[in-house]
Amino acid sequence: MDSINVVFEEIKFSIEQLEEVLTRKIDRVKDDVRNLEDSFDSYKRTTNRTIREIKQNISTIQDDINTINEKISEEEK
């Protein structure tokens, strides 16, 4: 009976060790996911800012083109 108790204690100890290792690994994965989310959010903000800048530039260029076209039209008259 004592030997069975010893075996059970060893198994229990092994399971506890495995649980600790798995918990640490899960925590690392959670940290990695958080970091990835932060990086993605940053990339998303940068991309959105760049898109806004491009749209503004396109609008400015369109305004310039319209002004040039108006001047050309006036000169042709």
PDB file of N, CA and C in Angstrom:
ATOM      1  N   MET A   1       0.815  -1.192   0.000  1.00  0.00           N
ATOM      2  CA  MET A   1       0.000   0.000   0.000  1.00  0.00           C
ATOM      3  C   MET A   1       0.862   1.260   0.000  1.00  0.00           C
ATOM      4  N   ASP A   2       1.922   1.227   0.766  1.00  0.00           N
ATOM      5  CA  ASP A   2       2.821   2.381   0.813  1.00  0.00           C
ATOM      6  C   ASP A   2       3.422   2.666  -0.556  1.00  0.00           C
ATOM      7  N   SER A   3       3.758   1.632  -1.281  1.00  0.00           N
ATOM      8  CA  SER A   3       4.366   1.832  -2.599  1.00  0.00           C
ATOM      9  C   SER A   3       3.368   2.474  -3.566  1.00  0.00           C
ATOM     10  N   ILE A   4       2.093   2.128  -3.466  1.00  0.00           N
ATOM     11  CA  ILE A   4       1.066   2.751  -4.309  1.00  0.00           C
ATOM     12  C   ILE A   4       0.938   4.225  -3.938  1.00  0.00           C
ATOM     13  N   ASN A   5       1.002   4.535  -2.660  1.00  0.00           N
ATOM     14  CA  ASN A   5       0.936   5.923  -2.222  1.00  0.00           C
ATOM     15  C   ASN A   5       2.128   6.721  -2.745  1.00  0.00           C
ATOM     16  N   VAL A   6       3.277   6.104  -2.744  1.00  0.00           N
ATOM     17  CA  VAL A   6       4.480   6.761  -3.259  1.00  0.00           C
ATOM     18  C   VAL A   6       4.306   7.044  -4.748  1.00  0.00           C
ATOM     19  N   VAL A   7       3.801   6.073  -5.473  1.00  0.00           N
ATOM     20  CA  VAL A   7       3.588   6.246  -6.917  1.00  0.00           C
ATOM     21  C   VAL A   7       2.569   7.359  -7.161  1.00  0.00           C
ATOM     22  N   PHE A   8       1.508   7.373  -6.408  1.00  0.00           N
ATOM     23  CA  PHE A   8       0.508   8.425  -6.562  1.00  0.00           C
ATOM     24  C   PHE A   8       1.096   9.796  -6.237  1.00  0.00           C
ATOM     25  N   GLU A   9       1.916   9.863  -5.229  1.00  0.00           N
ATOM     26  CA  GLU A   9       2.562  11.136  -4.880  1.00  0.00           C
ATOM     27  C   GLU A   9       3.486  11.598  -5.998  1.00  0.00           C
ATOM     28  N   GLU A  10       4.217  10.662  -6.585  1.00  0.00           N
ATOM     29  CA  GLU A  10       5.102  10.999  -7.704  1.00  0.00           C
ATOM     30  C   GLU A  10       4.289  11.487  -8.897  1.00  0.00           C
ATOM     31  N   ILE A  11       3.193  10.827  -9.171  1.00  0.00           N
ATOM     32  CA  ILE A  11       2.326  11.239 -10.276  1.00  0.00           C
ATOM     33  C   ILE A  11       1.754  12.625  -9.989  1.00  0.00           C
ATOM     34  N   LYS A  12       1.314  12.832  -8.775  1.00  0.00           N
ATOM     35  CA  LYS A  12       0.773  14.133  -8.387  1.00  0.00           C
ATOM     36  C   LYS A  12       1.831  15.219  -8.559  1.00  0.00           C
ATOM     37  N   PHE A  13       3.025  14.950  -8.114  1.00  0.00           N
ATOM     38  CA  PHE A  13       4.124  15.908  -8.261  1.00  0.00           C
ATOM     39  C   PHE A  13       4.389  16.198  -9.740  1.00  0.00           C
ATOM     40  N   SER A  14       4.420  15.162 -10.550  1.00  0.00           N
ATOM     41  CA  SER A  14       4.655  15.335 -11.991  1.00  0.00           C
ATOM     42  C   SER A  14       3.555  16.169 -12.633  1.00  0.00           C
ATOM     43  N   ILE A  15       2.334  15.917 -12.248  1.00  0.00           N
ATOM     44  CA  ILE A  15       1.208  16.685 -12.782  1.00  0.00           C
ATOM     45  C   ILE A  15       1.320  18.151 -12.358  1.00  0.00           C
ATOM     46  N   GLU A  16       1.699  18.400 -11.128  1.00  0.00           N
ATOM     47  CA  GLU A  16       1.852  19.776 -10.656  1.00  0.00           C
ATOM     48  C   GLU A  16       2.968  20.492 -11.411  1.00  0.00           C
ATOM     49  N   GLN A  17       4.051  19.779 -11.658  1.00  0.00           N
ATOM     50  CA  GLN A  17       5.150  20.371 -12.433  1.00  0.00           C
ATOM     51  C   GLN A  17       4.691  20.691 -13.850  1.00  0.00           C
ATOM     52  N   LEU A  18       3.990  19.771 -14.451  1.00  0.00           N
ATOM     53  CA  LEU A  18       3.477  19.973 -15.803  1.00  0.00           C
ATOM     54  C   LEU A  18       2.523  21.164 -15.840  1.00  0.00           C
ATOM     55  N   GLU A  19       1.697  21.269 -14.837  1.00  0.00           N
ATOM     56  CA  GLU A  19       0.762  22.394 -14.758  1.00  0.00           C
ATOM     57  C   GLU A  19       1.516  23.724 -14.683  1.00  0.00           C
ATOM     58  N   GLU A  20       2.575  23.765 -13.892  1.00  0.00           N
ATOM     59  CA  GLU A  20       3.372  24.989 -13.780  1.00  0.00           C
ATOM     60  C   GLU A  20       4.004  25.350 -15.125  1.00  0.00           C
ATOM     61  N   VAL A  21       4.549  24.350 -15.789  1.00  0.00           N
ATOM     62  CA  VAL A  21       5.184  24.593 -17.084  1.00  0.00           C
ATOM     63  C   VAL A  21       4.140  25.084 -18.093  1.00  0.00           C
ATOM     64  N   LEU A  22       3.008  24.432 -18.127  1.00  0.00           N
ATOM     65  CA  LEU A  22       1.959  24.829 -19.059  1.00  0.00           C
ATOM     66  C   LEU A  22       1.434  26.232 -18.748  1.00  0.00           C
ATOM     67  N   THR A  23       1.307  26.534 -17.497  1.00  0.00           N
ATOM     68  CA  THR A  23       0.846  27.866 -17.095  1.00  0.00           C
ATOM     69  C   THR A  23       1.830  28.938 -17.567  1.00  0.00           C
ATOM     70  N   ARG A  24       3.121  28.686 -17.390  1.00  0.00           N
ATOM     71  CA  ARG A  24       4.137  29.645 -17.857  1.00  0.00           C
ATOM     72  C   ARG A  24       4.071  29.803 -19.374  1.00  0.00           C
ATOM     73  N   LYS A  25       3.918  28.700 -20.084  1.00  0.00           N
ATOM     74  CA  LYS A  25       3.851  28.771 -21.544  1.00  0.00           C
ATOM     75  C   LYS A  25       2.597  29.511 -22.006  1.00  0.00           C
ATOM     76  N   ILE A  26       1.490  29.244 -21.356  1.00  0.00           N
ATOM     77  CA  ILE A  26       0.249  29.938 -21.696  1.00  0.00           C
ATOM     78  C   ILE A  26       0.397  31.432 -21.424  1.00  0.00           C
ATOM     79  N   ASP A  27       1.025  31.780 -20.333  1.00  0.00           N
ATOM     80  CA  ASP A  27       1.256  33.194 -20.020  1.00  0.00           C
ATOM     81  C   ASP A  27       2.131  33.858 -21.082  1.00  0.00           C
ATOM     82  N   ARG A  28       3.149  33.151 -21.539  1.00  0.00           N
ATOM     83  CA  ARG A  28       4.010  33.698 -22.599  1.00  0.00           C
ATOM     84  C   ARG A  28       3.223  33.893 -23.888  1.00  0.00           C
ATOM     85  N   VAL A  29       2.380  32.940 -24.204  1.00  0.00           N
ATOM     86  CA  VAL A  29       1.558  33.060 -25.410  1.00  0.00           C
ATOM     87  C   VAL A  29       0.607  34.259 -25.282  1.00  0.00           C
ATOM     88  N   LYS A  30       0.011  34.425 -24.105  1.00  0.00           N
ATOM     89  CA  LYS A  30      -0.868  35.571 -23.879  1.00  0.00           C
ATOM     90  C   LYS A  30      -0.108  36.879 -24.070  1.00  0.00           C
ATOM     91  N   ASP A  31       1.102  36.937 -23.529  1.00  0.00           N
ATOM     92  CA  ASP A  31       1.932  38.135 -23.700  1.00  0.00           C
ATOM     93  C   ASP A  31       2.242  38.374 -25.174  1.00  0.00           C
ATOM     94  N   ASP A  32       2.579  37.317 -25.872  1.00  0.00           N
ATOM     95  CA  ASP A  32       2.873  37.437 -27.300  1.00  0.00           C
ATOM     96  C   ASP A  32       1.653  37.944 -28.074  1.00  0.00           C
ATOM     97  N   VAL A  33       0.495  37.425 -27.731  1.00  0.00           N
ATOM     98  CA  VAL A  33      -0.734  37.859 -28.401  1.00  0.00           C
ATOM     99  C   VAL A  33      -1.007  39.337 -28.098  1.00  0.00           C
ATOM    100  N   ARG A  34      -0.827  39.739 -26.844  1.00  0.00           N
ATOM    101  CA  ARG A  34      -1.015  41.155 -26.489  1.00  0.00           C
ATOM    102  C   ARG A  34      -0.052  42.042 -27.275  1.00  0.00           C
ATOM    103  N   ASN A  35       1.202  41.614 -27.357  1.00  0.00           N
ATOM    104  CA  ASN A  35       2.187  42.394 -28.105  1.00  0.00           C
ATOM    105  C   ASN A  35       1.821  42.471 -29.583  1.00  0.00           C
ATOM    106  N   LEU A  36       1.353  41.375 -30.109  1.00  0.00           N
ATOM    107  CA  LEU A  36       0.941  41.352 -31.503  1.00  0.00           C
ATOM    108  C   LEU A  36      -0.256  42.278 -31.725  1.00  0.00           C
ATOM    109  N   GLU A  37      -1.203  42.248 -30.797  1.00  0.00           N
ATOM    110  CA  GLU A  37      -2.360  43.149 -30.901  1.00  0.00           C
ATOM    111  C   GLU A  37      -1.907  44.604 -30.854  1.00  0.00           C
ATOM    112  N   ASP A  38      -0.985  44.912 -29.963  1.00  0.00           N
ATOM    113  CA  ASP A  38      -0.468  46.282 -29.868  1.00  0.00           C
ATOM    114  C   ASP A  38       0.218  46.692 -31.170  1.00  0.00           C
ATOM    115  N   SER A  39       1.017  45.790 -31.710  1.00  0.00           N
ATOM    116  CA  SER A  39       1.701  46.082 -32.971  1.00  0.00           C
ATOM    117  C   SER A  39       0.695  46.279 -34.101  1.00  0.00           C
ATOM    118  N   PHE A  40      -0.300  45.434 -34.125  1.00  0.00           N
ATOM    119  CA  PHE A  40      -1.318  45.551 -35.166  1.00  0.00           C
ATOM    120  C   PHE A  40      -2.072  46.873 -35.035  1.00  0.00           C
ATOM    121  N   ASP A  41      -2.446  47.237 -33.809  1.00  0.00           N
ATOM    122  CA  ASP A  41      -3.150  48.502 -33.595  1.00  0.00           C
ATOM    123  C   ASP A  41      -2.294  49.679 -34.050  1.00  0.00           C
ATOM    124  N   SER A  42      -1.014  49.623 -33.739  1.00  0.00           N
ATOM    125  CA  SER A  42      -0.108  50.689 -34.156  1.00  0.00           C
ATOM    126  C   SER A  42      -0.019  50.755 -35.682  1.00  0.00           C
ATOM    127  N   TYR A  43       0.127  49.605 -36.303  1.00  0.00           N
ATOM    128  CA  TYR A  43       0.186  49.550 -37.761  1.00  0.00           C
ATOM    129  C   TYR A  43      -1.107  50.091 -38.361  1.00  0.00           C
ATOM    130  N   LYS A  44      -2.221  49.719 -37.776  1.00  0.00           N
ATOM    131  CA  LYS A  44      -3.528  50.169 -38.259  1.00  0.00           C
ATOM    132  C   LYS A  44      -3.645  51.687 -38.162  1.00  0.00           C
ATOM    133  N   ARG A  45      -3.228  52.256 -37.029  1.00  0.00           N
ATOM    134  CA  ARG A  45      -3.269  53.715 -36.869  1.00  0.00           C
ATOM    135  C   ARG A  45      -2.386  54.400 -37.906  1.00  0.00           C
ATOM    136  N   THR A  46      -1.187  53.858 -38.089  1.00  0.00           N
ATOM    137  CA  THR A  46      -0.265  54.439 -39.065  1.00  0.00           C
ATOM    138  C   THR A  46      -0.850  54.370 -40.470  1.00  0.00           C
ATOM    139  N   THR A  47      -1.428  53.236 -40.800  1.00  0.00           N
ATOM    140  CA  THR A  47      -2.021  53.063 -42.121  1.00  0.00           C
ATOM    141  C   THR A  47      -3.199  54.014 -42.319  1.00  0.00           C
ATOM    142  N   ASN A  48      -4.037  54.138 -41.307  1.00  0.00           N
ATOM    143  CA  ASN A  48      -5.170  55.056 -41.414  1.00  0.00           C
ATOM    144  C   ASN A  48      -4.699  56.499 -41.577  1.00  0.00           C
ATOM    145  N   ARG A  49      -3.673  56.858 -40.848  1.00  0.00           N
ATOM    146  CA  ARG A  49      -3.123  58.212 -40.969  1.00  0.00           C
ATOM    147  C   ARG A  49      -2.568  58.436 -42.373  1.00  0.00           C
ATOM    148  N   THR A  50      -1.861  57.452 -42.885  1.00  0.00           N
ATOM    149  CA  THR A  50      -1.293  57.560 -44.222  1.00  0.00           C
ATOM    150  C   THR A  50      -2.395  57.682 -45.270  1.00  0.00           C
ATOM    151  N   ILE A  51      -3.445  56.911 -45.117  1.00  0.00           N
ATOM    152  CA  ILE A  51      -4.564  56.977 -46.062  1.00  0.00           C
ATOM    153  C   ILE A  51      -5.215  58.367 -46.020  1.00  0.00           C
ATOM    154  N   ARG A  52      -5.396  58.901 -44.818  1.00  0.00           N
ATOM    155  CA  ARG A  52      -5.961  60.253 -44.712  1.00  0.00           C
ATOM    156  C   ARG A  52      -5.061  61.275 -45.414  1.00  0.00           C
ATOM    157  N   GLU A  53      -3.762  61.148 -45.225  1.00  0.00           N
ATOM    158  CA  GLU A  53      -2.819  62.066 -45.868  1.00  0.00           C
ATOM    159  C   GLU A  53      -2.888  61.939 -47.387  1.00  0.00           C
ATOM    160  N   ILE A  54      -2.960  60.724 -47.870  1.00  0.00           N
ATOM    161  CA  ILE A  54      -3.052  60.499 -49.315  1.00  0.00           C
ATOM    162  C   ILE A  54      -4.343  61.103 -49.866  1.00  0.00           C
ATOM    163  N   LYS A  55      -5.445  60.895 -49.169  1.00  0.00           N
ATOM    164  CA  LYS A  55      -6.721  61.471 -49.609  1.00  0.00           C
ATOM    165  C   LYS A  55      -6.639  62.992 -49.638  1.00  0.00           C
ATOM    166  N   GLN A  56      -6.007  63.565 -48.624  1.00  0.00           N
ATOM    167  CA  GLN A  56      -5.860  65.020 -48.588  1.00  0.00           C
ATOM    168  C   GLN A  56      -4.998  65.499 -49.748  1.00  0.00           C
ATOM    169  N   ASN A  57      -3.924  64.774 -50.012  1.00  0.00           N
ATOM    170  CA  ASN A  57      -3.060  65.135 -51.131  1.00  0.00           C
ATOM    171  C   ASN A  57      -3.805  65.043 -52.456  1.00  0.00           C
ATOM    172  N   ILE A  58      -4.599  64.009 -52.602  1.00  0.00           N
ATOM    173  CA  ILE A  58      -5.375  63.844 -53.834  1.00  0.00           C
ATOM    174  C   ILE A  58      -6.358  65.001 -53.979  1.00  0.00           C
ATOM    175  N   SER A  59      -6.985  65.369 -52.891  1.00  0.00           N
ATOM    176  CA  SER A  59      -7.921  66.490 -52.927  1.00  0.00           C
ATOM    177  C   SER A  59      -7.209  67.785 -53.315  1.00  0.00           C
ATOM    178  N   THR A  60      -6.050  68.015 -52.738  1.00  0.00           N
ATOM    179  CA  THR A  60      -5.270  69.214 -53.061  1.00  0.00           C
ATOM    180  C   THR A  60      -4.851  69.208 -54.526  1.00  0.00           C
ATOM    181  N   ILE A  61      -4.401  68.070 -54.998  1.00  0.00           N
ATOM    182  CA  ILE A  61      -3.988  67.948 -56.405  1.00  0.00           C
ATOM    183  C   ILE A  61      -5.186  68.184 -57.320  1.00  0.00           C
ATOM    184  N   GLN A  62      -6.343  67.634 -56.956  1.00  0.00           N
ATOM    185  CA  GLN A  62      -7.547  67.837 -57.759  1.00  0.00           C
ATOM    186  C   GLN A  62      -7.918  69.312 -57.810  1.00  0.00           C
ATOM    187  N   ASP A  63      -7.813  69.979 -56.660  1.00  0.00           N
ATOM    188  CA  ASP A  63      -8.085  71.422 -56.627  1.00  0.00           C
ATOM    189  C   ASP A  63      -7.111  72.171 -57.532  1.00  0.00           C
ATOM    190  N   ASP A  64      -5.845  71.808 -57.480  1.00  0.00           N
ATOM    191  CA  ASP A  64      -4.836  72.439 -58.339  1.00  0.00           C
ATOM    192  C   ASP A  64      -5.147  72.206 -59.813  1.00  0.00           C
ATOM    193  N   ILE A  65      -5.529  71.001 -60.138  1.00  0.00           N
ATOM    194  CA  ILE A  65      -5.869  70.666 -61.533  1.00  0.00           C
ATOM    195  C   ILE A  65      -7.082  71.487 -61.974  1.00  0.00           C
ATOM    196  N   ASN A  66      -8.065  71.606 -61.114  1.00  0.00           N
ATOM    197  CA  ASN A  66      -9.245  72.404 -61.456  1.00  0.00           C
ATOM    198  C   ASN A  66      -8.876  73.866 -61.673  1.00  0.00           C
ATOM    199  N   THR A  67      -8.016  74.388 -60.829  1.00  0.00           N
ATOM    200  CA  THR A  67      -7.562  75.774 -60.980  1.00  0.00           C
ATOM    201  C   THR A  67      -6.825  75.957 -62.300  1.00  0.00           C
ATOM    202  N   ILE A  68      -5.957  75.028 -62.613  1.00  0.00           N
ATOM    203  CA  ILE A  68      -5.203  75.094 -63.879  1.00  0.00           C
ATOM    204  C   ILE A  68      -6.170  75.005 -65.063  1.00  0.00           C
ATOM    205  N   ASN A  69      -7.114  74.103 -64.977  1.00  0.00           N
ATOM    206  CA  ASN A  69      -8.098  73.974 -66.062  1.00  0.00           C
ATOM    207  C   ASN A  69      -8.915  75.245 -66.236  1.00  0.00           C
ATOM    208  N   GLU A  70      -9.279  75.878 -65.131  1.00  0.00           N
ATOM    209  CA  GLU A  70     -10.008  77.143 -65.213  1.00  0.00           C
ATOM    210  C   GLU A  70      -9.169  78.223 -65.888  1.00  0.00           C
ATOM    211  N   LYS A  71      -7.897  78.294 -65.524  1.00  0.00           N
ATOM    212  CA  LYS A  71      -7.009  79.293 -66.123  1.00  0.00           C
ATOM    213  C   LYS A  71      -6.844  79.037 -67.621  1.00  0.00           C
ATOM    214  N   ILE A  72      -6.709  77.765 -67.970  1.00  0.00           N
ATOM    215  CA  ILE A  72      -6.571  77.416 -69.393  1.00  0.00           C
ATOM    216  C   ILE A  72      -7.835  77.787 -70.137  1.00  0.00           C
ATOM    217  N   SER A  73      -8.971  77.500 -69.517  1.00  0.00           N
ATOM    218  CA  SER A  73     -10.253  77.829 -70.157  1.00  0.00           C
ATOM    219  C   SER A  73     -10.389  79.334 -70.339  1.00  0.00           C
ATOM    220  N   GLU A  74      -9.995  80.115 -69.366  1.00  0.00           N
ATOM    221  CA  GLU A  74     -10.080  81.570 -69.448  1.00  0.00           C
ATOM    222  C   GLU A  74      -9.142  82.090 -70.526  1.00  0.00           C
ATOM    223  N   GLU A  75      -7.964  81.502 -70.656  1.00  0.00           N
ATOM    224  CA  GLU A  75      -6.995  81.953 -71.658  1.00  0.00           C
ATOM    225  C   GLU A  75      -7.461  81.603 -73.062  1.00  0.00           C
ATOM    226  N   GLU A  76      -8.196  80.522 -73.200  1.00  0.00           N
ATOM    227  CA  GLU A  76      -8.674  80.105 -74.511  1.00  0.00           C
ATOM    228  C   GLU A  76      -9.804  81.007 -75.007  1.00  0.00           C
ATOM    229  N   LYS A  77     -10.468  81.700 -74.094  1.00  0.00           N
ATOM    230  CA  LYS A  77     -11.601  82.560 -74.473  1.00  0.00           C
ATOM    231  C   LYS A  77     -11.104  83.787 -75.079  1.00  0.00           C
TER     232      LYS A  77
END
